[in-house]
Amino acid sequence: MRCRPGGSCGYAGKRVLLGSRGTFVTRALRGFGATVDRLFWQHMPMPAVYCLRFDAISQQPEVTGPGLGGVPLR
């Protein structure tokens, strides 16, 4: 996939679904500013769905899902 100058890849306002293993998901969530730790990673349900809502490129996303944003881990 080739992105345009400025980082736009044509997905603005659209939903993108990615799948991965728990370790990579945990690291990605942490990279986006979510407060996650080893306990979060160890208790992550499989499968788990996390929603990252980007309102602007310069802002941190709103992250919700099991163990985040009021949704308890199982």
C-alpha atoms as a PDB file:
ATOM      1  CA  MET A   1       0.000   0.000   0.000  1.00  0.00           C
ATOM      2  CA  ARG A   2       1.377   3.397  -0.931  1.00  0.00           C
ATOM      3  CA  CYS A   3       0.507   6.401   1.196  1.00  0.00           C
ATOM      4  CA  ARG A   4       0.221   9.958   0.005  1.00  0.00           C
ATOM      5  CA  PRO A   5       2.561  12.686   1.289  1.00  0.00           C
ATOM      6  CA  GLY A   6       1.465  13.642   4.791  1.00  0.00           C
ATOM      7  CA  GLY A   7       0.564  10.069   5.752  1.00  0.00           C
ATOM      8  CA  SER A   8      -2.892   9.758   4.210  1.00  0.00           C
ATOM      9  CA  CYS A   9      -3.506   6.224   2.942  1.00  0.00           C
ATOM     10  CA  GLY A  10      -7.109   6.658   1.852  1.00  0.00           C
ATOM     11  CA  TYR A  11      -8.731   5.231   4.992  1.00  0.00           C
ATOM     12  CA  ALA A  12      -9.915   8.483   6.594  1.00  0.00           C
ATOM     13  CA  GLY A  13     -13.399   7.972   8.014  1.00  0.00           C
ATOM     14  CA  LYS A  14     -13.329   4.229   7.279  1.00  0.00           C
ATOM     15  CA  ARG A  15     -12.982   1.151   9.458  1.00  0.00           C
ATOM     16  CA  VAL A  16      -9.875  -0.992   9.264  1.00  0.00           C
ATOM     17  CA  LEU A  17      -9.698  -4.427  10.897  1.00  0.00           C
ATOM     18  CA  LEU A  18      -6.375  -5.943  11.906  1.00  0.00           C
ATOM     19  CA  GLY A  19      -5.736  -9.288  13.545  1.00  0.00           C
ATOM     20  CA  SER A  20      -2.708 -10.372  15.520  1.00  0.00           C
ATOM     21  CA  ARG A  21      -1.451 -12.243  18.559  1.00  0.00           C
ATOM     22  CA  GLY A  22      -1.900 -10.844  22.066  1.00  0.00           C
ATOM     23  CA  THR A  23       1.741  -9.822  22.480  1.00  0.00           C
ATOM     24  CA  PHE A  24       1.684  -7.644  19.376  1.00  0.00           C
ATOM     25  CA  VAL A  25      -1.743  -6.195  20.198  1.00  0.00           C
ATOM     26  CA  THR A  26      -0.550  -5.277  23.704  1.00  0.00           C
ATOM     27  CA  ARG A  27       2.573  -3.578  22.318  1.00  0.00           C
ATOM     28  CA  ALA A  28       0.538  -1.676  19.732  1.00  0.00           C
ATOM     29  CA  LEU A  29      -1.991  -0.501  22.340  1.00  0.00           C
ATOM     30  CA  ARG A  30       0.865   0.648  24.553  1.00  0.00           C
ATOM     31  CA  GLY A  31       2.408   2.486  21.622  1.00  0.00           C
ATOM     32  CA  PHE A  32      -0.858   4.364  21.150  1.00  0.00           C
ATOM     33  CA  GLY A  33      -0.825   5.463  24.786  1.00  0.00           C
ATOM     34  CA  ALA A  34      -3.106   2.840  26.404  1.00  0.00           C
ATOM     35  CA  THR A  35      -2.170   1.904  29.964  1.00  0.00           C
ATOM     36  CA  VAL A  36      -1.417  -1.791  29.637  1.00  0.00           C
ATOM     37  CA  ASP A  37       0.966  -4.027  31.550  1.00  0.00           C
ATOM     38  CA  ARG A  38       1.956  -7.660  31.935  1.00  0.00           C
ATOM     39  CA  LEU A  39      -1.209  -8.484  33.906  1.00  0.00           C
ATOM     40  CA  PHE A  40      -3.335  -7.004  31.093  1.00  0.00           C
ATOM     41  CA  TRP A  41      -1.442  -9.109  28.533  1.00  0.00           C
ATOM     42  CA  GLN A  42      -1.718 -12.310  30.604  1.00  0.00           C
ATOM     43  CA  HIS A  43      -5.493 -11.951  31.046  1.00  0.00           C
ATOM     44  CA  MET A  44      -6.374 -10.766  27.541  1.00  0.00           C
ATOM     45  CA  PRO A  45      -9.252 -12.935  26.254  1.00  0.00           C
ATOM     46  CA  MET A  46      -8.802 -14.670  22.917  1.00  0.00           C
ATOM     47  CA  PRO A  47     -10.210 -13.481  20.669  1.00  0.00           C
ATOM     48  CA  ALA A  48     -10.436  -9.884  21.850  1.00  0.00           C
ATOM     49  CA  VAL A  49     -11.594  -6.868  19.857  1.00  0.00           C
ATOM     50  CA  TYR A  50     -10.154  -3.424  20.568  1.00  0.00           C
ATOM     51  CA  CYS A  51     -11.438  -0.234  18.974  1.00  0.00           C
ATOM     52  CA  LEU A  52      -9.099   2.678  18.289  1.00  0.00           C
ATOM     53  CA  ARG A  53     -10.935   5.839  17.285  1.00  0.00           C
ATOM     54  CA  PHE A  54      -8.783   8.517  15.671  1.00  0.00           C
ATOM     55  CA  ASP A  55     -10.412  11.955  15.601  1.00  0.00           C
ATOM     56  CA  ALA A  56      -7.338  13.733  14.256  1.00  0.00           C
ATOM     57  CA  ILE A  57      -3.913  12.616  13.104  1.00  0.00           C
ATOM     58  CA  SER A  58      -2.158  14.651  15.813  1.00  0.00           C
ATOM     59  CA  GLN A  59      -4.277  13.322  18.719  1.00  0.00           C
ATOM     60  CA  GLN A  60      -3.990  10.113  20.722  1.00  0.00           C
ATOM     61  CA  PRO A  61      -6.771   7.686  19.804  1.00  0.00           C
ATOM     62  CA  GLU A  62      -9.620   6.734  22.108  1.00  0.00           C
ATOM     63  CA  VAL A  63      -9.028   3.042  22.891  1.00  0.00           C
ATOM     64  CA  THR A  64     -11.773   0.715  24.166  1.00  0.00           C
ATOM     65  CA  GLY A  65     -12.027  -3.033  24.593  1.00  0.00           C
ATOM     66  CA  PRO A  66     -11.665  -5.782  27.210  1.00  0.00           C
ATOM     67  CA  GLY A  67      -9.658  -4.394  30.127  1.00  0.00           C
ATOM     68  CA  LEU A  68      -9.768  -0.832  28.737  1.00  0.00           C
ATOM     69  CA  GLY A  69     -12.351   1.933  28.742  1.00  0.00           C
ATOM     70  CA  GLY A  70     -14.562   0.372  31.383  1.00  0.00           C
ATOM     71  CA  VAL A  71     -14.787  -3.041  29.670  1.00  0.00           C
ATOM     72  CA  PRO A  72     -13.541  -5.651  32.191  1.00  0.00           C
ATOM     73  CA  LEU A  73     -11.216  -8.504  31.360  1.00  0.00           C
ATOM     74  CA  ARG A  74     -12.837 -11.927  31.562  1.00  0.00           C
END
